[in-house]
């Protein structure tokens, strides 16, 4: 299993850490402009964002991609 994950830069990073780091870095307003999903523009909380992102893989992928381009270049 370690072989599969060794090239995954998100291995060991929780979704909560990803959302929290992005929110602290960009703030809700800019984050909502970068990724147009309701949990970043209207109901702005880590908890609501996590609930949404866990149900919607397409949105989670956008958030993970933004995290990687922001913090892992």
C-alpha atoms as a PDB file:
ATOM      1  CA  UNK A   1       0.000   0.000   0.000  1.00  0.00           C
ATOM      2  CA  UNK A   2       2.891   2.361   0.731  1.00  0.00           C
ATOM      3  CA  UNK A   3       4.034   1.872  -2.852  1.00  0.00           C
ATOM      4  CA  UNK A   4       0.718   3.228  -4.144  1.00  0.00           C
ATOM      5  CA  UNK A   5       0.819   6.343  -1.951  1.00  0.00           C
ATOM      6  CA  UNK A   6       4.495   7.313  -2.160  1.00  0.00           C
ATOM      7  CA  UNK A   7       3.898   9.699  -5.082  1.00  0.00           C
ATOM      8  CA  UNK A   8       0.661  11.158  -3.703  1.00  0.00           C
ATOM      9  CA  UNK A   9       1.444  14.634  -2.297  1.00  0.00           C
ATOM     10  CA  UNK A  10      -1.841  14.626  -0.354  1.00  0.00           C
ATOM     11  CA  UNK A  11      -1.101  11.371   1.478  1.00  0.00           C
ATOM     12  CA  UNK A  12      -1.550  11.932   5.208  1.00  0.00           C
ATOM     13  CA  UNK A  13      -3.204  15.350   4.808  1.00  0.00           C
ATOM     14  CA  UNK A  14      -6.803  15.481   5.989  1.00  0.00           C
ATOM     15  CA  UNK A  15      -9.541  17.262   4.120  1.00  0.00           C
ATOM     16  CA  UNK A  16     -10.064  19.416   7.204  1.00  0.00           C
ATOM     17  CA  UNK A  17      -6.435  20.574   7.090  1.00  0.00           C
ATOM     18  CA  UNK A  18      -6.729  21.319   3.371  1.00  0.00           C
ATOM     19  CA  UNK A  19      -9.857  23.452   3.799  1.00  0.00           C
ATOM     20  CA  UNK A  20      -8.499  25.187   6.914  1.00  0.00           C
ATOM     21  CA  UNK A  21      -5.164  26.027   5.280  1.00  0.00           C
ATOM     22  CA  UNK A  22      -6.862  27.373   2.158  1.00  0.00           C
ATOM     23  CA  UNK A  23      -9.303  29.448   4.201  1.00  0.00           C
ATOM     24  CA  UNK A  24      -6.504  30.942   6.295  1.00  0.00           C
ATOM     25  CA  UNK A  25      -4.410  31.650   3.196  1.00  0.00           C
ATOM     26  CA  UNK A  26      -7.128  33.116   0.945  1.00  0.00           C
ATOM     27  CA  UNK A  27     -10.056  33.965   3.216  1.00  0.00           C
ATOM     28  CA  UNK A  28     -13.636  32.930   2.418  1.00  0.00           C
ATOM     29  CA  UNK A  29     -14.278  35.652  -0.160  1.00  0.00           C
ATOM     30  CA  UNK A  30     -11.286  34.897  -2.379  1.00  0.00           C
ATOM     31  CA  UNK A  31     -11.693  31.164  -1.885  1.00  0.00           C
ATOM     32  CA  UNK A  32     -15.302  31.506  -3.054  1.00  0.00           C
ATOM     33  CA  UNK A  33     -14.107  33.397  -6.123  1.00  0.00           C
ATOM     34  CA  UNK A  34     -11.473  30.779  -6.948  1.00  0.00           C
ATOM     35  CA  UNK A  35     -13.811  27.818  -6.467  1.00  0.00           C
ATOM     36  CA  UNK A  36     -17.445  28.715  -7.096  1.00  0.00           C
ATOM     37  CA  UNK A  37     -19.241  26.467  -4.618  1.00  0.00           C
ATOM     38  CA  UNK A  38     -21.952  27.542  -2.222  1.00  0.00           C
ATOM     39  CA  UNK A  39     -20.200  26.436   0.967  1.00  0.00           C
ATOM     40  CA  UNK A  40     -17.428  28.976   0.267  1.00  0.00           C
ATOM     41  CA  UNK A  41     -19.731  31.851  -0.670  1.00  0.00           C
ATOM     42  CA  UNK A  42     -22.858  31.607   1.518  1.00  0.00           C
ATOM     43  CA  UNK A  43     -22.667  29.180   4.438  1.00  0.00           C
ATOM     44  CA  UNK A  44     -19.038  29.824   5.266  1.00  0.00           C
ATOM     45  CA  UNK A  45     -17.756  27.372   7.828  1.00  0.00           C
ATOM     46  CA  UNK A  46     -15.227  24.585   7.898  1.00  0.00           C
ATOM     47  CA  UNK A  47     -17.921  22.124   9.009  1.00  0.00           C
ATOM     48  CA  UNK A  48     -20.350  22.906   6.170  1.00  0.00           C
ATOM     49  CA  UNK A  49     -17.502  22.840   3.660  1.00  0.00           C
ATOM     50  CA  UNK A  50     -16.349  19.425   4.856  1.00  0.00           C
ATOM     51  CA  UNK A  51     -19.886  18.023   4.691  1.00  0.00           C
ATOM     52  CA  UNK A  52     -20.298  19.244   1.112  1.00  0.00           C
ATOM     53  CA  UNK A  53     -16.860  18.223  -0.111  1.00  0.00           C
ATOM     54  CA  UNK A  54     -17.219  14.707   1.292  1.00  0.00           C
ATOM     55  CA  UNK A  55     -20.406  14.234  -0.743  1.00  0.00           C
ATOM     56  CA  UNK A  56     -19.212  15.840  -3.984  1.00  0.00           C
ATOM     57  CA  UNK A  57     -16.019  14.320  -5.431  1.00  0.00           C
ATOM     58  CA  UNK A  58     -15.831  16.893  -8.252  1.00  0.00           C
ATOM     59  CA  UNK A  59     -15.724  19.754  -5.714  1.00  0.00           C
ATOM     60  CA  UNK A  60     -13.226  17.952  -3.507  1.00  0.00           C
ATOM     61  CA  UNK A  61     -10.951  17.498  -6.534  1.00  0.00           C
ATOM     62  CA  UNK A  62     -11.045  21.244  -7.241  1.00  0.00           C
ATOM     63  CA  UNK A  63     -10.165  22.014  -3.607  1.00  0.00           C
ATOM     64  CA  UNK A  64      -7.340  19.464  -3.567  1.00  0.00           C
ATOM     65  CA  UNK A  65      -5.957  20.824  -6.847  1.00  0.00           C
ATOM     66  CA  UNK A  66      -6.011  24.378  -5.489  1.00  0.00           C
ATOM     67  CA  UNK A  67      -4.237  23.190  -2.343  1.00  0.00           C
ATOM     68  CA  UNK A  68      -1.520  21.536  -4.383  1.00  0.00           C
ATOM     69  CA  UNK A  69      -0.957  24.551  -6.627  1.00  0.00           C
ATOM     70  CA  UNK A  70      -0.941  26.876  -3.624  1.00  0.00           C
ATOM     71  CA  UNK A  71       1.274  24.978  -1.204  1.00  0.00           C
ATOM     72  CA  UNK A  72       3.190  22.317  -3.191  1.00  0.00           C
ATOM     73  CA  UNK A  73       4.967  23.861  -6.129  1.00  0.00           C
END
